[in-house]
Amino acid sequence: MERWRMREKKVRGMKRKTNEMVTRIEEGTQEFPADIEQGY
């Protein structure tokens, strides 16, 4: 159970990060920042 909870938190954080990335790209960034590729 503990493991599942930790995992859920991680997923939630990832979702937030992805949303931020999408917003940034939608704001006019055509190129993918290098640090994003390294983050995955």
PDB file of N, CA and C in Angstrom:
ATOM      1  N   MET A   1       0.832  -1.205   0.000  1.00  0.00           N
ATOM      2  CA  MET A   1       0.000   0.000   0.000  1.00  0.00           C
ATOM      3  C   MET A   1       0.871   1.261   0.000  1.00  0.00           C
ATOM      4  N   GLU A   2       1.886   1.250   0.837  1.00  0.00           N
ATOM      5  CA  GLU A   2       2.773   2.424   0.898  1.00  0.00           C
ATOM      6  C   GLU A   2       3.383   2.689  -0.473  1.00  0.00           C
ATOM      7  N   ARG A   3       3.855   1.624  -1.098  1.00  0.00           N
ATOM      8  CA  ARG A   3       4.491   1.775  -2.402  1.00  0.00           C
ATOM      9  C   ARG A   3       3.511   2.407  -3.384  1.00  0.00           C
ATOM     10  N   TRP A   4       2.300   1.915  -3.381  1.00  0.00           N
ATOM     11  CA  TRP A   4       1.297   2.426  -4.321  1.00  0.00           C
ATOM     12  C   TRP A   4       1.097   3.923  -4.121  1.00  0.00           C
ATOM     13  N   ARG A   5       1.040   4.332  -2.859  1.00  0.00           N
ATOM     14  CA  ARG A   5       0.815   5.756  -2.572  1.00  0.00           C
ATOM     15  C   ARG A   5       1.976   6.586  -3.117  1.00  0.00           C
ATOM     16  N   MET A   6       3.168   6.139  -2.864  1.00  0.00           N
ATOM     17  CA  MET A   6       4.343   6.880  -3.346  1.00  0.00           C
ATOM     18  C   MET A   6       4.291   6.986  -4.866  1.00  0.00           C
ATOM     19  N   ARG A   7       3.936   5.876  -5.488  1.00  0.00           N
ATOM     20  CA  ARG A   7       3.896   5.863  -6.944  1.00  0.00           C
ATOM     21  C   ARG A   7       2.848   6.874  -7.433  1.00  0.00           C
ATOM     22  N   GLU A   8       1.710   6.883  -6.781  1.00  0.00           N
ATOM     23  CA  GLU A   8       0.637   7.795  -7.194  1.00  0.00           C
ATOM     24  C   GLU A   8       1.141   9.240  -7.138  1.00  0.00           C
ATOM     25  N   LYS A   9       1.849   9.550  -6.068  1.00  0.00           N
ATOM     26  CA  LYS A   9       2.369  10.916  -5.917  1.00  0.00           C
ATOM     27  C   LYS A   9       3.285  11.242  -7.091  1.00  0.00           C
ATOM     28  N   LYS A  10       4.151  10.283  -7.435  1.00  0.00           N
ATOM     29  CA  LYS A  10       5.086  10.509  -8.530  1.00  0.00           C
ATOM     30  C   LYS A  10       4.318  10.791  -9.819  1.00  0.00           C
ATOM     31  N   VAL A  11       3.315   9.978 -10.077  1.00  0.00           N
ATOM     32  CA  VAL A  11       2.533  10.151 -11.306  1.00  0.00           C
ATOM     33  C   VAL A  11       1.893  11.528 -11.318  1.00  0.00           C
ATOM     34  N   ARG A  12       1.346  11.916 -10.171  1.00  0.00           N
ATOM     35  CA  ARG A  12       0.695  13.219 -10.088  1.00  0.00           C
ATOM     36  C   ARG A  12       1.702  14.315 -10.424  1.00  0.00           C
ATOM     37  N   GLY A  13       2.893  14.207  -9.869  1.00  0.00           N
ATOM     38  CA  GLY A  13       3.925  15.203 -10.137  1.00  0.00           C
ATOM     39  C   GLY A  13       4.275  15.238 -11.616  1.00  0.00           C
ATOM     40  N   MET A  14       4.366  14.051 -12.210  1.00  0.00           N
ATOM     41  CA  MET A  14       4.702  13.994 -13.631  1.00  0.00           C
ATOM     42  C   MET A  14       3.627  14.698 -14.453  1.00  0.00           C
ATOM     43  N   LYS A  15       2.382  14.438 -14.104  1.00  0.00           N
ATOM     44  CA  LYS A  15       1.280  15.056 -14.846  1.00  0.00           C
ATOM     45  C   LYS A  15       1.411  16.565 -14.792  1.00  0.00           C
ATOM     46  N   ARG A  16       1.717  17.081 -13.601  1.00  0.00           N
ATOM     47  CA  ARG A  16       1.847  18.526 -13.438  1.00  0.00           C
ATOM     48  C   ARG A  16       2.978  19.035 -14.325  1.00  0.00           C
ATOM     49  N   LYS A  17       4.089  18.313 -14.300  1.00  0.00           N
ATOM     50  CA  LYS A  17       5.243  18.723 -15.101  1.00  0.00           C
ATOM     51  C   LYS A  17       4.865  18.728 -16.579  1.00  0.00           C
ATOM     52  N   THR A  18       4.175  17.689 -17.003  1.00  0.00           N
ATOM     53  CA  THR A  18       3.787  17.597 -18.412  1.00  0.00           C
ATOM     54  C   THR A  18       2.887  18.772 -18.778  1.00  0.00           C
ATOM     55  N   ASN A  19       1.945  19.075 -17.909  1.00  0.00           N
ATOM     56  CA  ASN A  19       1.036  20.198 -18.181  1.00  0.00           C
ATOM     57  C   ASN A  19       1.831  21.489 -18.340  1.00  0.00           C
ATOM     58  N   GLU A  20       2.806  21.681 -17.467  1.00  0.00           N
ATOM     59  CA  GLU A  20       3.623  22.897 -17.553  1.00  0.00           C
ATOM     60  C   GLU A  20       4.360  22.930 -18.883  1.00  0.00           C
ATOM     61  N   MET A  21       4.885  21.765 -19.292  1.00  0.00           N
ATOM     62  CA  MET A  21       5.613  21.684 -20.553  1.00  0.00           C
ATOM     63  C   MET A  21       4.686  22.042 -21.709  1.00  0.00           C
ATOM     64  N   VAL A  22       3.497  21.473 -21.693  1.00  0.00           N
ATOM     65  CA  VAL A  22       2.538  21.734 -22.778  1.00  0.00           C
ATOM     66  C   VAL A  22       2.222  23.221 -22.842  1.00  0.00           C
ATOM     67  N   THR A  23       1.990  23.817 -21.689  1.00  0.00           N
ATOM     68  CA  THR A  23       1.674  25.243 -21.660  1.00  0.00           C
ATOM     69  C   THR A  23       2.823  26.043 -22.252  1.00  0.00           C
ATOM     70  N   ARG A  24       4.040  25.675 -21.864  1.00  0.00           N
ATOM     71  CA  ARG A  24       5.212  26.394 -22.360  1.00  0.00           C
ATOM     72  C   ARG A  24       5.294  26.266 -23.873  1.00  0.00           C
ATOM     73  N   ILE A  25       5.075  25.059 -24.372  1.00  0.00           N
ATOM     74  CA  ILE A  25       5.170  24.840 -25.821  1.00  0.00           C
ATOM     75  C   ILE A  25       4.062  25.621 -26.528  1.00  0.00           C
ATOM     76  N   GLU A  26       2.869  25.587 -25.954  1.00  0.00           N
ATOM     77  CA  GLU A  26       1.744  26.285 -26.582  1.00  0.00           C
ATOM     78  C   GLU A  26       1.986  27.787 -26.615  1.00  0.00           C
ATOM     79  N   GLU A  27       2.805  28.272 -25.697  1.00  0.00           N
ATOM     80  CA  GLU A  27       3.053  29.719 -25.645  1.00  0.00           C
ATOM     81  C   GLU A  27       3.888  30.191 -26.827  1.00  0.00           C
ATOM     82  N   GLY A  28       4.386  29.268 -27.617  1.00  0.00           N
ATOM     83  CA  GLY A  28       5.120  29.689 -28.812  1.00  0.00           C
ATOM     84  C   GLY A  28       6.469  29.018 -28.957  1.00  0.00           C
ATOM     85  N   THR A  29       6.766  28.048 -28.120  1.00  0.00           N
ATOM     86  CA  THR A  29       8.058  27.362 -28.250  1.00  0.00           C
ATOM     87  C   THR A  29       7.903  26.237 -29.257  1.00  0.00           C
ATOM     88  N   GLN A  30       8.543  26.372 -30.387  1.00  0.00           N
ATOM     89  CA  GLN A  30       8.445  25.330 -31.414  1.00  0.00           C
ATOM     90  C   GLN A  30       9.439  24.209 -31.129  1.00  0.00           C
ATOM     91  N   GLU A  31      10.626  24.579 -30.677  1.00  0.00           N
ATOM     92  CA  GLU A  31      11.652  23.568 -30.411  1.00  0.00           C
ATOM     93  C   GLU A  31      11.460  22.973 -29.023  1.00  0.00           C
ATOM     94  N   PHE A  32      11.837  21.710 -28.900  1.00  0.00           N
ATOM     95  CA  PHE A  32      11.748  21.066 -27.592  1.00  0.00           C
ATOM     96  C   PHE A  32      13.001  21.380 -26.796  1.00  0.00           C
ATOM     97  N   PRO A  33      12.856  21.964 -25.612  1.00  0.00           N
ATOM     98  CA  PRO A  33      14.039  22.244 -24.788  1.00  0.00           C
ATOM     99  C   PRO A  33      14.823  20.970 -24.528  1.00  0.00           C
ATOM    100  N   ALA A  34      16.131  21.076 -24.499  1.00  0.00           N
ATOM    101  CA  ALA A  34      16.993  19.895 -24.333  1.00  0.00           C
ATOM    102  C   ALA A  34      16.765  19.245 -22.970  1.00  0.00           C
ATOM    103  N   ASP A  35      16.551  20.055 -21.945  1.00  0.00           N
ATOM    104  CA  ASP A  35      16.421  19.479 -20.601  1.00  0.00           C
ATOM    105  C   ASP A  35      15.172  18.601 -20.500  1.00  0.00           C
ATOM    106  N   ILE A  36      14.179  18.839 -21.328  1.00  0.00           N
ATOM    107  CA  ILE A  36      12.977  17.995 -21.272  1.00  0.00           C
ATOM    108  C   ILE A  36      13.333  16.590 -21.740  1.00  0.00           C
ATOM    109  N   GLU A  37      14.091  16.497 -22.830  1.00  0.00           N
ATOM    110  CA  GLU A  37      14.471  15.187 -23.346  1.00  0.00           C
ATOM    111  C   GLU A  37      15.279  14.432 -22.307  1.00  0.00           C
ATOM    112  N   GLN A  38      16.143  15.135 -21.610  1.00  0.00           N
ATOM    113  CA  GLN A  38      16.971  14.487 -20.589  1.00  0.00           C
ATOM    114  C   GLN A  38      16.123  14.089 -19.390  1.00  0.00           C
ATOM    115  N   GLY A  39      15.044  14.826 -19.144  1.00  0.00           N
ATOM    116  CA  GLY A  39      14.209  14.532 -17.986  1.00  0.00           C
ATOM    117  C   GLY A  39      13.524  13.180 -18.103  1.00  0.00           C
ATOM    118  N   TYR A  40      13.241  12.760 -19.328  1.00  0.00           N
ATOM    119  CA  TYR A  40      12.537  11.482 -19.489  1.00  0.00           C
ATOM    120  C   TYR A  40      13.490  10.313 -19.379  1.00  0.00           C
TER     121      TYR A  40
END
